[in-house]
Amino acid sequence: FSNYLVNPDAKLGAAPFDTSFGDLGGTVDFLILADAS
């Protein structure tokens, strides 16, 4: 693993709510909600 990006093209708005864990060794975890505004 090197790096990861959530919402890379801002399709959930400019300020999404991100609680991703990222790399856990053999897995990369994503969990995100759209910008509330």
PDB file of all heavy atoms in Angstrom:
ATOM      1  N   PHE A   1       0.834  -1.202   0.000  1.00  0.00           N
ATOM      2  CA  PHE A   1       0.000   0.000   0.000  1.00  0.00           C
ATOM      3  C   PHE A   1       0.868   1.251   0.000  1.00  0.00           C
ATOM      4  O   PHE A   1       1.905   1.318   0.661  1.00  0.00           O
ATOM      5  CB  PHE A   1      -0.903  -0.013   1.235  1.00  0.00           C
ATOM      6  CG  PHE A   1      -1.654   1.266   1.472  1.00  0.00           C
ATOM      7  CD1 PHE A   1      -2.845   1.520   0.815  1.00  0.00           C
ATOM      8  CD2 PHE A   1      -1.162   2.221   2.357  1.00  0.00           C
ATOM      9  CE1 PHE A   1      -3.543   2.700   1.038  1.00  0.00           C
ATOM     10  CE2 PHE A   1      -1.854   3.393   2.586  1.00  0.00           C
ATOM     11  CZ  PHE A   1      -3.045   3.643   1.930  1.00  0.00           C
ATOM     12  N   SER A   2       0.411   2.281  -0.741  1.00  0.00           N
ATOM     13  CA  SER A   2       1.120   3.553  -0.785  1.00  0.00           C
ATOM     14  C   SER A   2       0.266   4.711  -0.280  1.00  0.00           C
ATOM     15  O   SER A   2       0.675   5.457   0.612  1.00  0.00           O
ATOM     16  CB  SER A   2       1.588   3.842  -2.221  1.00  0.00           C
ATOM     17  OG  SER A   2       2.189   5.119  -2.311  1.00  0.00           O
ATOM     18  N   ASN A   3      -0.948   4.869  -0.825  1.00  0.00           N
ATOM     19  CA  ASN A   3      -1.767   6.026  -0.484  1.00  0.00           C
ATOM     20  C   ASN A   3      -3.215   5.764  -0.888  1.00  0.00           C
ATOM     21  O   ASN A   3      -3.482   4.879  -1.711  1.00  0.00           O
ATOM     22  CB  ASN A   3      -1.255   7.266  -1.215  1.00  0.00           C
ATOM     23  CG  ASN A   3      -1.928   8.543  -0.759  1.00  0.00           C
ATOM     24  OD1 ASN A   3      -2.205   8.719   0.416  1.00  0.00           O
ATOM     25  ND2 ASN A   3      -2.221   9.433  -1.696  1.00  0.00           N
ATOM     26  N   TYR A   4      -4.151   6.513  -0.306  1.00  0.00           N
ATOM     27  CA  TYR A   4      -5.543   6.395  -0.738  1.00  0.00           C
ATOM     28  C   TYR A   4      -6.234   7.747  -0.679  1.00  0.00           C
ATOM     29  O   TYR A   4      -5.832   8.643   0.060  1.00  0.00           O
ATOM     30  CB  TYR A   4      -6.300   5.370   0.105  1.00  0.00           C
ATOM     31  CG  TYR A   4      -6.781   5.841   1.454  1.00  0.00           C
ATOM     32  CD1 TYR A   4      -8.129   6.084   1.697  1.00  0.00           C
ATOM     33  CD2 TYR A   4      -5.889   6.033   2.503  1.00  0.00           C
ATOM     34  CE1 TYR A   4      -8.572   6.506   2.937  1.00  0.00           C
ATOM     35  CE2 TYR A   4      -6.329   6.454   3.750  1.00  0.00           C
ATOM     36  CZ  TYR A   4      -7.668   6.694   3.955  1.00  0.00           C
ATOM     37  OH  TYR A   4      -8.108   7.119   5.183  1.00  0.00           O
ATOM     38  N   LEU A   5      -7.286   7.900  -1.492  1.00  0.00           N
ATOM     39  CA  LEU A   5      -8.072   9.119  -1.551  1.00  0.00           C
ATOM     40  C   LEU A   5      -9.550   8.769  -1.446  1.00  0.00           C
ATOM     41  O   LEU A   5     -10.031   7.878  -2.143  1.00  0.00           O
ATOM     42  CB  LEU A   5      -7.836   9.861  -2.870  1.00  0.00           C
ATOM     43  CG  LEU A   5      -6.440  10.418  -3.152  1.00  0.00           C
ATOM     44  CD1 LEU A   5      -6.366  10.936  -4.583  1.00  0.00           C
ATOM     45  CD2 LEU A   5      -6.104  11.540  -2.165  1.00  0.00           C
ATOM     46  N   VAL A   6     -10.277   9.476  -0.586  1.00  0.00           N
ATOM     47  CA  VAL A   6     -11.729   9.362  -0.545  1.00  0.00           C
ATOM     48  C   VAL A   6     -12.311  10.558  -1.298  1.00  0.00           C
ATOM     49  O   VAL A   6     -11.678  11.606  -1.388  1.00  0.00           O
ATOM     50  CB  VAL A   6     -12.270   9.336   0.895  1.00  0.00           C
ATOM     51  CG1 VAL A   6     -11.701   8.149   1.659  1.00  0.00           C
ATOM     52  CG2 VAL A   6     -11.942  10.627   1.626  1.00  0.00           C
ATOM     53  N   ASN A   7     -13.496  10.369  -1.879  1.00  0.00           N
ATOM     54  CA  ASN A   7     -14.169  11.456  -2.596  1.00  0.00           C
ATOM     55  C   ASN A   7     -13.213  12.173  -3.552  1.00  0.00           C
ATOM     56  O   ASN A   7     -13.103  13.411  -3.539  1.00  0.00           O
ATOM     57  CB  ASN A   7     -14.737  12.454  -1.571  1.00  0.00           C
ATOM     58  CG  ASN A   7     -15.724  13.431  -2.157  1.00  0.00           C
ATOM     59  OD1 ASN A   7     -16.529  13.099  -3.030  1.00  0.00           O
ATOM     60  ND2 ASN A   7     -15.691  14.659  -1.679  1.00  0.00           N
ATOM     61  N   PRO A   8     -12.496  11.432  -4.414  1.00  0.00           N
ATOM     62  CA  PRO A   8     -11.413  12.038  -5.205  1.00  0.00           C
ATOM     63  C   PRO A   8     -11.873  13.106  -6.184  1.00  0.00           C
ATOM     64  O   PRO A   8     -11.069  13.981  -6.555  1.00  0.00           O
ATOM     65  CB  PRO A   8     -10.810  10.840  -5.946  1.00  0.00           C
ATOM     66  CG  PRO A   8     -11.908   9.830  -5.988  1.00  0.00           C
ATOM     67  CD  PRO A   8     -12.654  10.004  -4.707  1.00  0.00           C
ATOM     68  N   ASP A   9     -13.128  13.063  -6.620  1.00  0.00           N
ATOM     69  CA  ASP A   9     -13.626  14.038  -7.590  1.00  0.00           C
ATOM     70  C   ASP A   9     -14.704  14.950  -6.991  1.00  0.00           C
ATOM     71  O   ASP A   9     -15.476  15.574  -7.726  1.00  0.00           O
ATOM     72  CB  ASP A   9     -14.171  13.317  -8.825  1.00  0.00           C
ATOM     73  CG  ASP A   9     -13.127  12.398  -9.448  1.00  0.00           C
ATOM     74  OD1 ASP A   9     -11.998  12.869  -9.671  1.00  0.00           O
ATOM     75  OD2 ASP A   9     -13.434  11.214  -9.679  1.00  0.00           O
ATOM     76  N   ALA A  10     -14.770  14.992  -5.659  1.00  0.00           N
ATOM     77  CA  ALA A  10     -15.705  15.858  -4.921  1.00  0.00           C
ATOM     78  C   ALA A  10     -17.156  15.594  -5.304  1.00  0.00           C
ATOM     79  O   ALA A  10     -17.973  16.521  -5.319  1.00  0.00           O
ATOM     80  CB  ALA A  10     -15.351  17.328  -5.140  1.00  0.00           C
ATOM     81  N   LYS A  11     -17.505  14.332  -5.550  1.00  0.00           N
ATOM     82  CA  LYS A  11     -18.877  13.996  -5.922  1.00  0.00           C
ATOM     83  C   LYS A  11     -19.807  13.890  -4.711  1.00  0.00           C
ATOM     84  O   LYS A  11     -21.012  13.705  -4.870  1.00  0.00           O
ATOM     85  CB  LYS A  11     -18.900  12.678  -6.711  1.00  0.00           C
ATOM     86  CG  LYS A  11     -18.116  12.717  -8.019  1.00  0.00           C
ATOM     87  CD  LYS A  11     -18.671  13.750  -8.986  1.00  0.00           C
ATOM     88  CE  LYS A  11     -17.959  13.682 -10.323  1.00  0.00           C
ATOM     89  NZ  LYS A  11     -18.485  14.679 -11.279  1.00  0.00           N
ATOM     90  N   LEU A  12     -19.249  14.004  -3.505  1.00  0.00           N
ATOM     91  CA  LEU A  12     -20.073  14.080  -2.300  1.00  0.00           C
ATOM     92  C   LEU A  12     -20.018  15.480  -1.705  1.00  0.00           C
ATOM     93  O   LEU A  12     -20.368  15.684  -0.535  1.00  0.00           O
ATOM     94  CB  LEU A  12     -19.618  13.050  -1.264  1.00  0.00           C
ATOM     95  CG  LEU A  12     -19.822  11.583  -1.609  1.00  0.00           C
ATOM     96  CD1 LEU A  12     -19.461  10.699  -0.428  1.00  0.00           C
ATOM     97  CD2 LEU A  12     -21.249  11.300  -2.042  1.00  0.00           C
ATOM     98  N   GLY A  13     -19.624  16.457  -2.512  1.00  0.00           N
ATOM     99  CA  GLY A  13     -19.527  17.828  -2.045  1.00  0.00           C
ATOM    100  C   GLY A  13     -18.138  18.173  -1.542  1.00  0.00           C
ATOM    101  O   GLY A  13     -17.241  17.330  -1.512  1.00  0.00           O
ATOM    102  N   ALA A  14     -17.970  19.422  -1.151  1.00  0.00           N
ATOM    103  CA  ALA A  14     -16.643  19.929  -0.794  1.00  0.00           C
ATOM    104  C   ALA A  14     -16.178  19.494   0.587  1.00  0.00           C
ATOM    105  O   ALA A  14     -14.975  19.418   0.850  1.00  0.00           O
ATOM    106  CB  ALA A  14     -16.635  21.453  -0.875  1.00  0.00           C
ATOM    107  N   ALA A  15     -17.118  19.218   1.506  1.00  0.00           N
ATOM    108  CA  ALA A  15     -16.734  18.894   2.891  1.00  0.00           C
ATOM    109  C   ALA A  15     -17.491  17.662   3.384  1.00  0.00           C
ATOM    110  O   ALA A  15     -18.333  17.754   4.283  1.00  0.00           O
ATOM    111  CB  ALA A  15     -16.999  20.086   3.798  1.00  0.00           C
ATOM    112  N   PRO A  16     -17.204  16.480   2.832  1.00  0.00           N
ATOM    113  CA  PRO A  16     -17.887  15.263   3.284  1.00  0.00           C
ATOM    114  C   PRO A  16     -17.435  14.857   4.678  1.00  0.00           C
ATOM    115  O   PRO A  16     -16.403  15.320   5.175  1.00  0.00           O
ATOM    116  CB  PRO A  16     -17.471  14.230   2.241  1.00  0.00           C
ATOM    117  CG  PRO A  16     -16.142  14.708   1.750  1.00  0.00           C
ATOM    118  CD  PRO A  16     -16.219  16.209   1.779  1.00  0.00           C
ATOM    119  N   PHE A  17     -18.221  13.973   5.288  1.00  0.00           N
ATOM    120  CA  PHE A  17     -17.937  13.464   6.633  1.00  0.00           C
ATOM    121  C   PHE A  17     -17.237  12.118   6.481  1.00  0.00           C
ATOM    122  O   PHE A  17     -17.854  11.121   6.107  1.00  0.00           O
ATOM    123  CB  PHE A  17     -19.250  13.329   7.396  1.00  0.00           C
ATOM    124  CG  PHE A  17     -19.083  12.995   8.854  1.00  0.00           C
ATOM    125  CD1 PHE A  17     -18.250  13.730   9.672  1.00  0.00           C
ATOM    126  CD2 PHE A  17     -19.800  11.946   9.415  1.00  0.00           C
ATOM    127  CE1 PHE A  17     -18.117  13.437  11.022  1.00  0.00           C
ATOM    128  CE2 PHE A  17     -19.678  11.635  10.761  1.00  0.00           C
ATOM    129  CZ  PHE A  17     -18.837  12.391  11.566  1.00  0.00           C
ATOM    130  N   ASP A  18     -15.933  12.079   6.749  1.00  0.00           N
ATOM    131  CA  ASP A  18     -15.101  10.915   6.456  1.00  0.00           C
ATOM    132  C   ASP A  18     -14.653  10.239   7.746  1.00  0.00           C
ATOM    133  O   ASP A  18     -14.003  10.860   8.586  1.00  0.00           O
ATOM    134  CB  ASP A  18     -13.885  11.351   5.631  1.00  0.00           C
ATOM    135  CG  ASP A  18     -12.925  10.218   5.346  1.00  0.00           C
ATOM    136  OD1 ASP A  18     -13.361   9.046   5.347  1.00  0.00           O
ATOM    137  OD2 ASP A  18     -11.729  10.497   5.109  1.00  0.00           O
ATOM    138  N   THR A  19     -15.010   8.955   7.903  1.00  0.00           N
ATOM    139  CA  THR A  19     -14.516   8.176   9.042  1.00  0.00           C
ATOM    140  C   THR A  19     -13.825   6.899   8.563  1.00  0.00           C
ATOM    141  O   THR A  19     -13.845   5.878   9.246  1.00  0.00           O
ATOM    142  CB  THR A  19     -15.659   7.818  10.011  1.00  0.00           C
ATOM    143  OG1 THR A  19     -16.645   7.031   9.324  1.00  0.00           O
ATOM    144  CG2 THR A  19     -16.315   9.060  10.562  1.00  0.00           C
ATOM    145  N   SER A  20     -13.223   6.959   7.387  1.00  0.00           N
ATOM    146  CA  SER A  20     -12.524   5.801   6.835  1.00  0.00           C
ATOM    147  C   SER A  20     -11.340   5.417   7.719  1.00  0.00           C
ATOM    148  O   SER A  20     -10.657   6.275   8.276  1.00  0.00           O
ATOM    149  CB  SER A  20     -12.021   6.108   5.423  1.00  0.00           C
ATOM    150  OG  SER A  20     -13.074   6.517   4.581  1.00  0.00           O
ATOM    151  N   PHE A  21     -11.078   4.099   7.815  1.00  0.00           N
ATOM    152  CA  PHE A  21      -9.919   3.617   8.565  1.00  0.00           C
ATOM    153  C   PHE A  21      -8.651   3.604   7.714  1.00  0.00           C
ATOM    154  O   PHE A  21      -7.544   3.552   8.244  1.00  0.00           O
ATOM    155  CB  PHE A  21     -10.175   2.203   9.090  1.00  0.00           C
ATOM    156  CG  PHE A  21     -11.274   2.111  10.109  1.00  0.00           C
ATOM    157  CD1 PHE A  21     -12.225   1.107  10.038  1.00  0.00           C
ATOM    158  CD2 PHE A  21     -11.365   3.027  11.139  1.00  0.00           C
ATOM    159  CE1 PHE A  21     -13.250   1.016  10.971  1.00  0.00           C
ATOM    160  CE2 PHE A  21     -12.379   2.952  12.084  1.00  0.00           C
ATOM    161  CZ  PHE A  21     -13.320   1.937  11.994  1.00  0.00           C
ATOM    162  N   GLY A  22      -8.799   3.596   6.389  1.00  0.00           N
ATOM    163  CA  GLY A  22      -7.637   3.526   5.512  1.00  0.00           C
ATOM    164  C   GLY A  22      -7.041   2.133   5.460  1.00  0.00           C
ATOM    165  O   GLY A  22      -7.743   1.131   5.608  1.00  0.00           O
ATOM    166  N   ASP A  23      -5.727   2.070   5.281  1.00  0.00           N
ATOM    167  CA  ASP A  23      -5.065   0.771   5.117  1.00  0.00           C
ATOM    168  C   ASP A  23      -4.957   0.038   6.444  1.00  0.00           C
ATOM    169  O   ASP A  23      -4.512   0.593   7.447  1.00  0.00           O
ATOM    170  CB  ASP A  23      -3.667   0.972   4.525  1.00  0.00           C
ATOM    171  CG  ASP A  23      -2.971  -0.353   4.265  1.00  0.00           C
ATOM    172  OD1 ASP A  23      -3.534  -1.184   3.542  1.00  0.00           O
ATOM    173  OD2 ASP A  23      -1.857  -0.554   4.805  1.00  0.00           O
ATOM    174  N   LEU A  24      -5.372  -1.247   6.420  1.00  0.00           N
ATOM    175  CA  LEU A  24      -5.296  -2.097   7.604  1.00  0.00           C
ATOM    176  C   LEU A  24      -4.439  -3.335   7.346  1.00  0.00           C
ATOM    177  O   LEU A  24      -4.469  -4.284   8.113  1.00  0.00           O
ATOM    178  CB  LEU A  24      -6.707  -2.513   8.044  1.00  0.00           C
ATOM    179  CG  LEU A  24      -7.646  -1.364   8.418  1.00  0.00           C
ATOM    180  CD1 LEU A  24      -9.055  -1.883   8.672  1.00  0.00           C
ATOM    181  CD2 LEU A  24      -7.126  -0.623   9.642  1.00  0.00           C
ATOM    182  N   GLY A  25      -3.692  -3.313   6.238  1.00  0.00           N
ATOM    183  CA  GLY A  25      -2.855  -4.452   5.893  1.00  0.00           C
ATOM    184  C   GLY A  25      -3.647  -5.511   5.159  1.00  0.00           C
ATOM    185  O   GLY A  25      -4.285  -6.350   5.790  1.00  0.00           O
ATOM    186  N   GLY A  26      -3.644  -5.455   3.833  1.00  0.00           N
ATOM    187  CA  GLY A  26      -4.428  -6.377   3.013  1.00  0.00           C
ATOM    188  C   GLY A  26      -5.822  -5.864   2.714  1.00  0.00           C
ATOM    189  O   GLY A  26      -6.525  -6.423   1.871  1.00  0.00           O
ATOM    190  N   THR A  27      -6.236  -4.811   3.391  1.00  0.00           N
ATOM    191  CA  THR A  27      -7.536  -4.180   3.149  1.00  0.00           C
ATOM    192  C   THR A  27      -7.401  -2.671   3.294  1.00  0.00           C
ATOM    193  O   THR A  27      -6.583  -2.186   4.074  1.00  0.00           O
ATOM    194  CB  THR A  27      -8.626  -4.668   4.127  1.00  0.00           C
ATOM    195  OG1 THR A  27      -8.279  -4.273   5.460  1.00  0.00           O
ATOM    196  CG2 THR A  27      -8.791  -6.180   4.072  1.00  0.00           C
ATOM    197  N   VAL A  28      -8.226  -1.935   2.526  1.00  0.00           N
ATOM    198  CA  VAL A  28      -8.301  -0.484   2.653  1.00  0.00           C
ATOM    199  C   VAL A  28      -9.766  -0.142   2.888  1.00  0.00           C
ATOM    200  O   VAL A  28     -10.628  -0.472   2.070  1.00  0.00           O
ATOM    201  CB  VAL A  28      -7.777   0.252   1.413  1.00  0.00           C
ATOM    202  CG1 VAL A  28      -7.749   1.762   1.658  1.00  0.00           C
ATOM    203  CG2 VAL A  28      -6.387  -0.244   1.033  1.00  0.00           C
ATOM    204  N   ASP A  29     -10.055   0.520   4.013  1.00  0.00           N
ATOM    205  CA  ASP A  29     -11.421   0.756   4.459  1.00  0.00           C
ATOM    206  C   ASP A  29     -11.880   2.176   4.116  1.00  0.00           C
ATOM    207  O   ASP A  29     -11.184   3.146   4.413  1.00  0.00           O
ATOM    208  CB  ASP A  29     -11.488   0.548   5.975  1.00  0.00           C
ATOM    209  CG  ASP A  29     -12.864   0.814   6.538  1.00  0.00           C
ATOM    210  OD1 ASP A  29     -13.187   1.996   6.796  1.00  0.00           O
ATOM    211  OD2 ASP A  29     -13.606  -0.157   6.733  1.00  0.00           O
ATOM    212  N   PHE A  30     -13.075   2.276   3.495  1.00  0.00           N
ATOM    213  CA  PHE A  30     -13.685   3.563   3.157  1.00  0.00           C
ATOM    214  C   PHE A  30     -15.062   3.655   3.819  1.00  0.00           C
ATOM    215  O   PHE A  30     -15.863   2.717   3.721  1.00  0.00           O
ATOM    216  CB  PHE A  30     -13.888   3.691   1.639  1.00  0.00           C
ATOM    217  CG  PHE A  30     -12.632   3.860   0.841  1.00  0.00           C
ATOM    218  CD1 PHE A  30     -11.781   2.785   0.597  1.00  0.00           C
ATOM    219  CD2 PHE A  30     -12.298   5.094   0.292  1.00  0.00           C
ATOM    220  CE1 PHE A  30     -10.632   2.937  -0.154  1.00  0.00           C
ATOM    221  CE2 PHE A  30     -11.140   5.260  -0.462  1.00  0.00           C
ATOM    222  CZ  PHE A  30     -10.311   4.180  -0.695  1.00  0.00           C
ATOM    223  N   LEU A  31     -15.356   4.788   4.463  1.00  0.00           N
ATOM    224  CA  LEU A  31     -16.677   5.051   5.027  1.00  0.00           C
ATOM    225  C   LEU A  31     -16.872   6.561   5.047  1.00  0.00           C
ATOM    226  O   LEU A  31     -16.180   7.283   5.757  1.00  0.00           O
ATOM    227  CB  LEU A  31     -16.804   4.484   6.441  1.00  0.00           C
ATOM    228  CG  LEU A  31     -18.121   4.736   7.176  1.00  0.00           C
ATOM    229  CD1 LEU A  31     -19.303   4.198   6.384  1.00  0.00           C
ATOM    230  CD2 LEU A  31     -18.087   4.090   8.555  1.00  0.00           C
ATOM    231  N   ILE A  32     -17.841   7.072   4.264  1.00  0.00           N
ATOM    232  CA  ILE A  32     -17.961   8.506   4.055  1.00  0.00           C
ATOM    233  C   ILE A  32     -19.403   8.885   3.779  1.00  0.00           C
ATOM    234  O   ILE A  32     -20.153   8.126   3.160  1.00  0.00           O
ATOM    235  CB  ILE A  32     -17.031   8.946   2.888  1.00  0.00           C
ATOM    236  CG1 ILE A  32     -17.040  10.455   2.698  1.00  0.00           C
ATOM    237  CG2 ILE A  32     -17.393   8.236   1.598  1.00  0.00           C
ATOM    238  CD1 ILE A  32     -15.963  10.928   1.721  1.00  0.00           C
ATOM    239  N   LEU A  33     -19.806  10.059   4.267  1.00  0.00           N
ATOM    240  CA  LEU A  33     -21.123  10.636   4.007  1.00  0.00           C
ATOM    241  C   LEU A  33     -20.958  11.962   3.274  1.00  0.00           C
ATOM    242  O   LEU A  33     -19.963  12.673   3.460  1.00  0.00           O
ATOM    243  CB  LEU A  33     -21.881  10.875   5.300  1.00  0.00           C
ATOM    244  CG  LEU A  33     -22.418   9.649   6.032  1.00  0.00           C
ATOM    245  CD1 LEU A  33     -23.009  10.076   7.374  1.00  0.00           C
ATOM    246  CD2 LEU A  33     -23.454   8.912   5.208  1.00  0.00           C
ATOM    247  N   ALA A  34     -21.968  12.317   2.474  1.00  0.00           N
ATOM    248  CA  ALA A  34     -21.924  13.551   1.702  1.00  0.00           C
ATOM    249  C   ALA A  34     -21.904  14.782   2.606  1.00  0.00           C
ATOM    250  O   ALA A  34     -22.353  14.755   3.758  1.00  0.00           O
ATOM    251  CB  ALA A  34     -23.126  13.616   0.764  1.00  0.00           C
ATOM    252  N   ASP A  35     -21.386  15.852   2.082  1.00  0.00           N
ATOM    253  CA  ASP A  35     -21.411  17.159   2.730  1.00  0.00           C
ATOM    254  C   ASP A  35     -22.853  17.462   3.156  1.00  0.00           C
ATOM    255  O   ASP A  35     -23.779  17.433   2.344  1.00  0.00           O
ATOM    256  CB  ASP A  35     -20.919  18.199   1.717  1.00  0.00           C
ATOM    257  CG  ASP A  35     -20.781  19.593   2.293  1.00  0.00           C
ATOM    258  OD1 ASP A  35     -21.465  19.903   3.282  1.00  0.00           O
ATOM    259  OD2 ASP A  35     -20.007  20.384   1.734  1.00  0.00           O
ATOM    260  N   ALA A  36     -23.061  17.745   4.435  1.00  0.00           N
ATOM    261  CA  ALA A  36     -24.406  17.948   4.961  1.00  0.00           C
ATOM    262  C   ALA A  36     -25.079  19.196   4.402  1.00  0.00           C
ATOM    263  O   ALA A  36     -26.301  19.326   4.477  1.00  0.00           O
ATOM    264  CB  ALA A  36     -24.350  18.040   6.487  1.00  0.00           C
ATOM    265  N   SER A  37     -24.310  20.098   3.815  1.00  0.00           N
ATOM    266  CA  SER A  37     -24.888  21.347   3.316  1.00  0.00           C
ATOM    267  C   SER A  37     -25.383  21.236   1.877  1.00  0.00           C
ATOM    268  O   SER A  37     -26.049  22.147   1.380  1.00  0.00           O
ATOM    269  CB  SER A  37     -23.850  22.477   3.408  1.00  0.00           C
ATOM    270  OG  SER A  37     -22.778  22.249   2.507  1.00  0.00           O
TER     271      SER A  37
END
